[in-house]
PDB file of all heavy atoms in Angstrom:
ATOM      1  N   ASN A   1       0.849  -1.271  -0.003  1.00  0.00           N
ATOM      2  CA  ASN A   1       0.004   0.036   0.023  1.00  0.00           C
ATOM      3  C   ASN A   1       0.917   1.239   0.041  1.00  0.00           C
ATOM      4  O   ASN A   1       0.425   2.380   0.513  1.00  0.00           O
ATOM      5  CB  ASN A   1      -0.961  -0.009   1.136  1.00  0.00           C
ATOM      6  CG  ASN A   1      -0.139  -0.007   2.515  1.00  0.00           C
ATOM      7  OD1 ASN A   1       0.985  -0.071   2.528  1.00  0.00           O
ATOM      8  ND2 ASN A   1      -0.928   0.128   3.595  1.00  0.00           N
ATOM      9  N   ILE A   2       2.108   1.197  -0.594  1.00  0.00           N
ATOM     10  CA  ILE A   2       2.968   2.267  -0.570  1.00  0.00           C
ATOM     11  C   ILE A   2       2.425   3.538  -1.150  1.00  0.00           C
ATOM     12  O   ILE A   2       2.783   4.719  -0.786  1.00  0.00           O
ATOM     13  CB  ILE A   2       4.368   1.864  -1.223  1.00  0.00           C
ATOM     14  CG1 ILE A   2       5.330   3.037  -0.999  1.00  0.00           C
ATOM     15  CG2 ILE A   2       4.056   1.568  -2.696  1.00  0.00           C
ATOM     16  CD1 ILE A   2       5.786   3.180   0.414  1.00  0.00           C
ATOM     17  N   SER A   3       1.602   3.455  -2.153  1.00  0.00           N
ATOM     18  CA  SER A   3       0.864   4.523  -2.834  1.00  0.00           C
ATOM     19  C   SER A   3       0.156   5.469  -1.865  1.00  0.00           C
ATOM     20  O   SER A   3       0.148   6.657  -1.910  1.00  0.00           O
ATOM     21  CB  SER A   3       0.102   4.180  -3.986  1.00  0.00           C
ATOM     22  OG  SER A   3       0.850   3.425  -4.906  1.00  0.00           O
ATOM     23  N   PHE A   4      -0.490   4.760  -1.029  1.00  0.00           N
ATOM     24  CA  PHE A   4      -1.385   5.467   0.009  1.00  0.00           C
ATOM     25  C   PHE A   4      -0.398   6.139   1.002  1.00  0.00           C
ATOM     26  O   PHE A   4      -0.715   7.324   1.462  1.00  0.00           O
ATOM     27  CB  PHE A   4      -2.282   4.551   0.771  1.00  0.00           C
ATOM     28  CG  PHE A   4      -3.463   4.003  -0.181  1.00  0.00           C
ATOM     29  CD1 PHE A   4      -3.243   2.800  -0.864  1.00  0.00           C
ATOM     30  CD2 PHE A   4      -4.629   4.574  -0.283  1.00  0.00           C
ATOM     31  CE1 PHE A   4      -4.274   2.312  -1.661  1.00  0.00           C
ATOM     32  CE2 PHE A   4      -5.630   4.059  -1.052  1.00  0.00           C
ATOM     33  CZ  PHE A   4      -5.467   2.873  -1.743  1.00  0.00           C
ATOM     34  N   GLN A   5       0.730   5.543   1.417  1.00  0.00           N
ATOM     35  CA  GLN A   5       1.557   6.119   2.308  1.00  0.00           C
ATOM     36  C   GLN A   5       2.216   7.415   1.703  1.00  0.00           C
ATOM     37  O   GLN A   5       2.364   8.430   2.415  1.00  0.00           O
ATOM     38  CB  GLN A   5       2.613   5.128   2.650  1.00  0.00           C
ATOM     39  CG  GLN A   5       2.116   3.878   3.421  1.00  0.00           C
ATOM     40  CD  GLN A   5       3.181   2.884   3.673  1.00  0.00           C
ATOM     41  OE1 GLN A   5       4.369   3.222   3.810  1.00  0.00           O
ATOM     42  NE2 GLN A   5       2.778   1.666   3.824  1.00  0.00           N
ATOM     43  N   ILE A   6       2.582   7.279   0.397  1.00  0.00           N
ATOM     44  CA  ILE A   6       3.161   8.496  -0.208  1.00  0.00           C
ATOM     45  C   ILE A   6       2.177   9.681  -0.362  1.00  0.00           C
ATOM     46  O   ILE A   6       2.566  10.721   0.095  1.00  0.00           O
ATOM     47  CB  ILE A   6       3.707   8.103  -1.581  1.00  0.00           C
ATOM     48  CG1 ILE A   6       4.704   7.047  -1.554  1.00  0.00           C
ATOM     49  CG2 ILE A   6       4.085   9.284  -2.486  1.00  0.00           C
ATOM     50  CD1 ILE A   6       5.280   6.540  -2.854  1.00  0.00           C
ATOM     51  N   LYS A   7       1.006   9.327  -0.839  1.00  0.00           N
ATOM     52  CA  LYS A   7       0.037  10.373  -0.920  1.00  0.00           C
ATOM     53  C   LYS A   7      -0.348  11.104   0.420  1.00  0.00           C
ATOM     54  O   LYS A   7      -0.439  12.286   0.549  1.00  0.00           O
ATOM     55  CB  LYS A   7      -1.228   9.755  -1.491  1.00  0.00           C
ATOM     56  CG  LYS A   7      -2.324  10.762  -1.672  1.00  0.00           C
ATOM     57  CD  LYS A   7      -2.136  11.980  -2.616  1.00  0.00           C
ATOM     58  CE  LYS A   7      -3.206  12.787  -2.668  1.00  0.00           C
ATOM     59  NZ  LYS A   7      -3.005  14.046  -3.644  1.00  0.00           N
ATOM     60  N   ALA A   8      -0.597  10.138   1.467  1.00  0.00           N
ATOM     61  CA  ALA A   8      -0.914  10.776   2.747  1.00  0.00           C
ATOM     62  C   ALA A   8       0.200  11.594   3.270  1.00  0.00           C
ATOM     63  O   ALA A   8      -0.106  12.723   3.982  1.00  0.00           O
ATOM     64  CB  ALA A   8      -1.291   9.472   3.796  1.00  0.00           C
ATOM     65  N   ALA A   9       1.460  11.140   3.157  1.00  0.00           N
ATOM     66  CA  ALA A   9       2.462  11.848   3.709  1.00  0.00           C
ATOM     67  C   ALA A   9       2.779  13.231   2.951  1.00  0.00           C
ATOM     68  O   ALA A   9       3.067  14.329   3.623  1.00  0.00           O
ATOM     69  CB  ALA A   9       3.810  11.130   3.618  1.00  0.00           C
ATOM     70  N   LEU A  10       2.521  13.180   1.652  1.00  0.00           N
ATOM     71  CA  LEU A  10       2.714  14.448   0.895  1.00  0.00           C
ATOM     72  C   LEU A  10       1.512  15.457   1.301  1.00  0.00           C
ATOM     73  O   LEU A  10       1.779  16.696   1.324  1.00  0.00           O
ATOM     74  CB  LEU A  10       2.654  14.157  -0.660  1.00  0.00           C
ATOM     75  CG  LEU A  10       3.847  13.351  -1.115  1.00  0.00           C
ATOM     76  CD1 LEU A  10       3.639  13.037  -2.623  1.00  0.00           C
ATOM     77  CD2 LEU A  10       5.168  14.207  -0.917  1.00  0.00           C
ATOM     78  N   MET A  11       0.322  14.943   1.537  1.00  0.00           N
ATOM     79  CA  MET A  11      -0.858  15.802   1.710  1.00  0.00           C
ATOM     80  C   MET A  11      -0.658  16.428   3.192  1.00  0.00           C
ATOM     81  O   MET A  11      -0.918  17.648   3.345  1.00  0.00           O
ATOM     82  CB  MET A  11      -2.071  15.007   1.620  1.00  0.00           C
ATOM     83  CG  MET A  11      -2.447  14.628   0.243  1.00  0.00           C
ATOM     84  SD  MET A  11      -2.666  16.045  -0.889  1.00  0.00           S
ATOM     85  CE  MET A  11      -4.007  16.773  -0.275  1.00  0.00           C
ATOM     86  N   ARG A  12      -0.199  15.727   4.156  1.00  0.00           N
ATOM     87  CA  ARG A  12      -0.128  16.278   5.425  1.00  0.00           C
ATOM     88  C   ARG A  12       1.216  16.737   5.993  1.00  0.00           C
ATOM     89  O   ARG A  12       1.327  17.170   7.004  1.00  0.00           O
ATOM     90  CB  ARG A  12      -0.778  15.305   6.499  1.00  0.00           C
ATOM     91  CG  ARG A  12       0.062  14.118   6.695  1.00  0.00           C
ATOM     92  CD  ARG A  12      -0.468  13.191   7.769  1.00  0.00           C
ATOM     93  NE  ARG A  12       0.387  12.074   7.999  1.00  0.00           N
ATOM     94  CZ  ARG A  12       0.194  10.831   7.432  1.00  0.00           C
ATOM     95  NH1 ARG A  12      -0.963  10.647   6.594  1.00  0.00           N
ATOM     96  NH2 ARG A  12       0.931   9.779   7.762  1.00  0.00           N
ATOM     97  N   GLY A  13       2.237  16.591   4.971  1.00  0.00           N
ATOM     98  CA  GLY A  13       3.514  17.034   5.372  1.00  0.00           C
ATOM     99  C   GLY A  13       4.142  16.425   6.519  1.00  0.00           C
ATOM    100  O   GLY A  13       4.951  16.808   7.281  1.00  0.00           O
ATOM    101  N   SER A  14       3.847  15.105   6.659  1.00  0.00           N
ATOM    102  CA  SER A  14       4.279  14.213   7.656  1.00  0.00           C
ATOM    103  C   SER A  14       5.658  13.844   7.614  1.00  0.00           C
ATOM    104  O   SER A  14       6.113  13.644   6.518  1.00  0.00           O
ATOM    105  CB  SER A  14       3.473  12.960   8.017  1.00  0.00           C
ATOM    106  OG  SER A  14       4.072  12.083   8.818  1.00  0.00           O
ATOM    107  N   THR A  15       6.501  13.941   8.622  1.00  0.00           N
ATOM    108  CA  THR A  15       7.875  13.519   8.740  1.00  0.00           C
ATOM    109  C   THR A  15       8.119  12.265   9.427  1.00  0.00           C
ATOM    110  O   THR A  15       9.399  11.797   9.695  1.00  0.00           O
ATOM    111  CB  THR A  15       8.686  14.618   9.207  1.00  0.00           C
ATOM    112  OG1 THR A  15       8.327  14.910  10.606  1.00  0.00           O
ATOM    113  CG2 THR A  15       8.769  15.890   8.431  1.00  0.00           C
ATOM    114  N   LYS A  16       7.132  11.599   9.920  1.00  0.00           N
ATOM    115  CA  LYS A  16       7.296  10.379  10.665  1.00  0.00           C
ATOM    116  C   LYS A  16       7.768   9.182   9.768  1.00  0.00           C
ATOM    117  O   LYS A  16       8.633   8.458  10.131  1.00  0.00           O
ATOM    118  CB  LYS A  16       5.912  10.013  11.342  1.00  0.00           C
ATOM    119  CG  LYS A  16       6.007   8.781  12.165  1.00  0.00           C
ATOM    120  CD  LYS A  16       4.807   8.493  12.964  1.00  0.00           C
ATOM    121  CE  LYS A  16       4.945   7.212  13.825  1.00  0.00           C
ATOM    122  NZ  LYS A  16       3.701   6.978  14.557  1.00  0.00           N
ATOM    123  N   HIS A  17       7.146   9.111   8.563  1.00  0.00           N
ATOM    124  CA  HIS A  17       7.599   7.997   7.810  1.00  0.00           C
ATOM    125  C   HIS A  17       8.280   8.454   6.498  1.00  0.00           C
ATOM    126  O   HIS A  17       9.135   7.786   5.839  1.00  0.00           O
ATOM    127  CB  HIS A  17       6.425   7.129   7.288  1.00  0.00           C
ATOM    128  CG  HIS A  17       5.878   6.352   8.477  1.00  0.00           C
ATOM    129  ND1 HIS A  17       6.549   5.560   9.192  1.00  0.00           N
ATOM    130  CD2 HIS A  17       4.653   6.507   9.180  1.00  0.00           C
ATOM    131  CE1 HIS A  17       5.800   5.062  10.298  1.00  0.00           C
ATOM    132  NE2 HIS A  17       4.674   5.665  10.118  1.00  0.00           N
ATOM    133  N   ILE A  18       7.882   9.660   6.050  1.00  0.00           N
ATOM    134  CA  ILE A  18       8.450  10.284   4.719  1.00  0.00           C
ATOM    135  C   ILE A  18       8.983  11.616   4.922  1.00  0.00           C
ATOM    136  O   ILE A  18       8.203  12.475   5.432  1.00  0.00           O
ATOM    137  CB  ILE A  18       7.400  10.312   3.614  1.00  0.00           C
ATOM    138  CG1 ILE A  18       6.728   8.824   3.467  1.00  0.00           C
ATOM    139  CG2 ILE A  18       7.835  10.769   2.385  1.00  0.00           C
ATOM    140  CD1 ILE A  18       5.633   8.784   2.502  1.00  0.00           C
ATOM    141  N   MET A  19      10.152  11.964   4.626  1.00  0.00           N
ATOM    142  CA  MET A  19      10.713  13.285   4.607  1.00  0.00           C
ATOM    143  C   MET A  19      10.537  14.093   3.285  1.00  0.00           C
ATOM    144  O   MET A  19      10.876  13.503   2.272  1.00  0.00           O
ATOM    145  CB  MET A  19      12.110  13.254   5.037  1.00  0.00           C
ATOM    146  CG  MET A  19      12.399  12.564   6.304  1.00  0.00           C
ATOM    147  SD  MET A  19      14.063  12.452   6.821  1.00  0.00           S
ATOM    148  CE  MET A  19      14.460  14.257   6.948  1.00  0.00           C
ATOM    149  N   ILE A  20       9.980  15.295   3.303  1.00  0.00           N
ATOM    150  CA  ILE A  20       9.671  15.937   2.059  1.00  0.00           C
ATOM    151  C   ILE A  20      10.553  17.271   2.096  1.00  0.00           C
ATOM    152  O   ILE A  20      10.688  18.006   2.875  1.00  0.00           O
ATOM    153  CB  ILE A  20       8.078  16.345   2.102  1.00  0.00           C
ATOM    154  CG1 ILE A  20       7.320  15.255   2.398  1.00  0.00           C
ATOM    155  CG2 ILE A  20       7.850  17.085   0.860  1.00  0.00           C
ATOM    156  CD1 ILE A  20       5.878  15.580   2.417  1.00  0.00           C
ATOM    157  N   ARG A  21      10.980  17.351   0.852  1.00  0.00           N
ATOM    158  CA  ARG A  21      11.810  18.589   0.528  1.00  0.00           C
ATOM    159  C   ARG A  21      11.010  19.227  -0.647  1.00  0.00           C
ATOM    160  O   ARG A  21      11.084  18.849  -1.820  1.00  0.00           O
ATOM    161  CB  ARG A  21      13.214  18.259   0.091  1.00  0.00           C
ATOM    162  CG  ARG A  21      14.038  17.643   1.000  1.00  0.00           C
ATOM    163  CD  ARG A  21      15.517  17.551   0.617  1.00  0.00           C
ATOM    164  NE  ARG A  21      15.749  16.857  -0.593  1.00  0.00           N
ATOM    165  CZ  ARG A  21      15.934  15.507  -0.620  1.00  0.00           C
ATOM    166  NH1 ARG A  21      15.949  14.822   0.629  1.00  0.00           N
ATOM    167  NH2 ARG A  21      16.082  14.759  -1.774  1.00  0.00           N
ATOM    168  N   SER A  22      10.310  20.322  -0.372  1.00  0.00           N
ATOM    169  CA  SER A  22       9.413  20.920  -1.305  1.00  0.00           C
ATOM    170  C   SER A  22       9.894  22.173  -1.797  1.00  0.00           C
ATOM    171  O   SER A  22      10.529  23.052  -1.196  1.00  0.00           O
ATOM    172  CB  SER A  22       7.902  21.145  -0.637  1.00  0.00           C
ATOM    173  OG  SER A  22       8.113  21.944   0.465  1.00  0.00           O
ATOM    174  N   GLY A  23       9.551  22.545  -3.100  1.00  0.00           N
ATOM    175  CA  GLY A  23       9.761  23.749  -3.695  1.00  0.00           C
ATOM    176  C   GLY A  23       8.690  24.767  -3.394  1.00  0.00           C
ATOM    177  O   GLY A  23       8.976  25.960  -3.297  1.00  0.00           O
ATOM    178  N   GLY A  24       7.456  24.325  -3.419  1.00  0.00           N
ATOM    179  CA  GLY A  24       6.452  25.190  -2.962  1.00  0.00           C
ATOM    180  C   GLY A  24       5.735  25.959  -4.034  1.00  0.00           C
ATOM    181  O   GLY A  24       4.877  26.799  -3.688  1.00  0.00           O
ATOM    182  N   SER A  25       5.925  25.705  -5.264  1.00  0.00           N
ATOM    183  CA  SER A  25       5.316  26.486  -6.328  1.00  0.00           C
ATOM    184  C   SER A  25       3.925  26.040  -6.549  1.00  0.00           C
ATOM    185  O   SER A  25       3.502  24.885  -6.141  1.00  0.00           O
ATOM    186  CB  SER A  25       6.163  26.279  -7.631  1.00  0.00           C
ATOM    187  OG  SER A  25       6.002  25.098  -8.113  1.00  0.00           O
ATOM    188  N   LYS A  26       3.066  27.043  -7.048  1.00  0.00           N
ATOM    189  CA  LYS A  26       1.689  26.647  -7.225  1.00  0.00           C
ATOM    190  C   LYS A  26       1.561  25.584  -8.342  1.00  0.00           C
ATOM    191  O   LYS A  26       0.708  24.724  -8.107  1.00  0.00           O
ATOM    192  CB  LYS A  26       1.002  27.897  -7.795  1.00  0.00           C
ATOM    193  CG  LYS A  26      -0.583  27.704  -7.968  1.00  0.00           C
ATOM    194  CD  LYS A  26      -1.191  29.024  -8.426  1.00  0.00           C
ATOM    195  CE  LYS A  26      -2.712  28.901  -8.513  1.00  0.00           C
ATOM    196  NZ  LYS A  26      -3.138  27.754  -9.440  1.00  0.00           N
ATOM    197  N   GLU A  27       2.317  25.523  -9.346  1.00  0.00           N
ATOM    198  CA  GLU A  27       2.205  24.361 -10.388  1.00  0.00           C
ATOM    199  C   GLU A  27       2.480  23.041  -9.723  1.00  0.00           C
ATOM    200  O   GLU A  27       1.706  22.058  -9.964  1.00  0.00           O
ATOM    201  CB  GLU A  27       3.186  24.668 -11.446  1.00  0.00           C
ATOM    202  CG  GLU A  27       3.112  23.655 -12.553  1.00  0.00           C
ATOM    203  CD  GLU A  27       4.131  23.995 -13.717  1.00  0.00           C
ATOM    204  OE1 GLU A  27       4.808  25.010 -13.629  1.00  0.00           O
ATOM    205  OE2 GLU A  27       4.229  23.098 -14.575  1.00  0.00           O
ATOM    206  N   GLU A  28       3.563  23.035  -8.759  1.00  0.00           N
ATOM    207  CA  GLU A  28       3.844  21.709  -8.186  1.00  0.00           C
ATOM    208  C   GLU A  28       2.617  21.330  -7.295  1.00  0.00           C
ATOM    209  O   GLU A  28       2.409  20.171  -7.165  1.00  0.00           O
ATOM    210  CB  GLU A  28       5.159  21.883  -7.455  1.00  0.00           C
ATOM    211  CG  GLU A  28       6.274  21.948  -8.398  1.00  0.00           C
ATOM    212  CD  GLU A  28       7.608  22.190  -7.503  1.00  0.00           C
ATOM    213  OE1 GLU A  28       7.506  22.747  -6.362  1.00  0.00           O
ATOM    214  OE2 GLU A  28       8.620  21.913  -8.087  1.00  0.00           O
ATOM    215  N   ASN A  29       2.066  22.308  -6.567  1.00  0.00           N
ATOM    216  CA  ASN A  29       1.019  21.947  -5.597  1.00  0.00           C
ATOM    217  C   ASN A  29      -0.189  21.416  -6.485  1.00  0.00           C
ATOM    218  O   ASN A  29      -0.891  20.550  -5.935  1.00  0.00           O
ATOM    219  CB  ASN A  29       0.676  23.144  -4.832  1.00  0.00           C
ATOM    220  CG  ASN A  29       1.738  23.538  -3.737  1.00  0.00           C
ATOM    221  OD1 ASN A  29       2.451  22.668  -3.315  1.00  0.00           O
ATOM    222  ND2 ASN A  29       1.855  24.797  -3.412  1.00  0.00           N
ATOM    223  N   ASP A  30      -0.462  22.136  -7.513  1.00  0.00           N
ATOM    224  CA  ASP A  30      -1.643  21.511  -8.418  1.00  0.00           C
ATOM    225  C   ASP A  30      -1.424  20.121  -8.848  1.00  0.00           C
ATOM    226  O   ASP A  30      -2.178  19.306  -8.835  1.00  0.00           O
ATOM    227  CB  ASP A  30      -1.762  22.419  -9.615  1.00  0.00           C
ATOM    228  CG  ASP A  30      -2.337  23.746  -9.243  1.00  0.00           C
ATOM    229  OD1 ASP A  30      -2.964  23.850  -8.173  1.00  0.00           O
ATOM    230  OD2 ASP A  30      -2.159  24.763 -10.060  1.00  0.00           O
TER     231      ASP A  30
END
């Protein structure tokens, strides 16, 4: 179920299981 883990982590910005380095642009957020 890795796809759900990736999506959930990206949406809530969690660092417990996945560390995110974001650029923060509007296009990327869309």
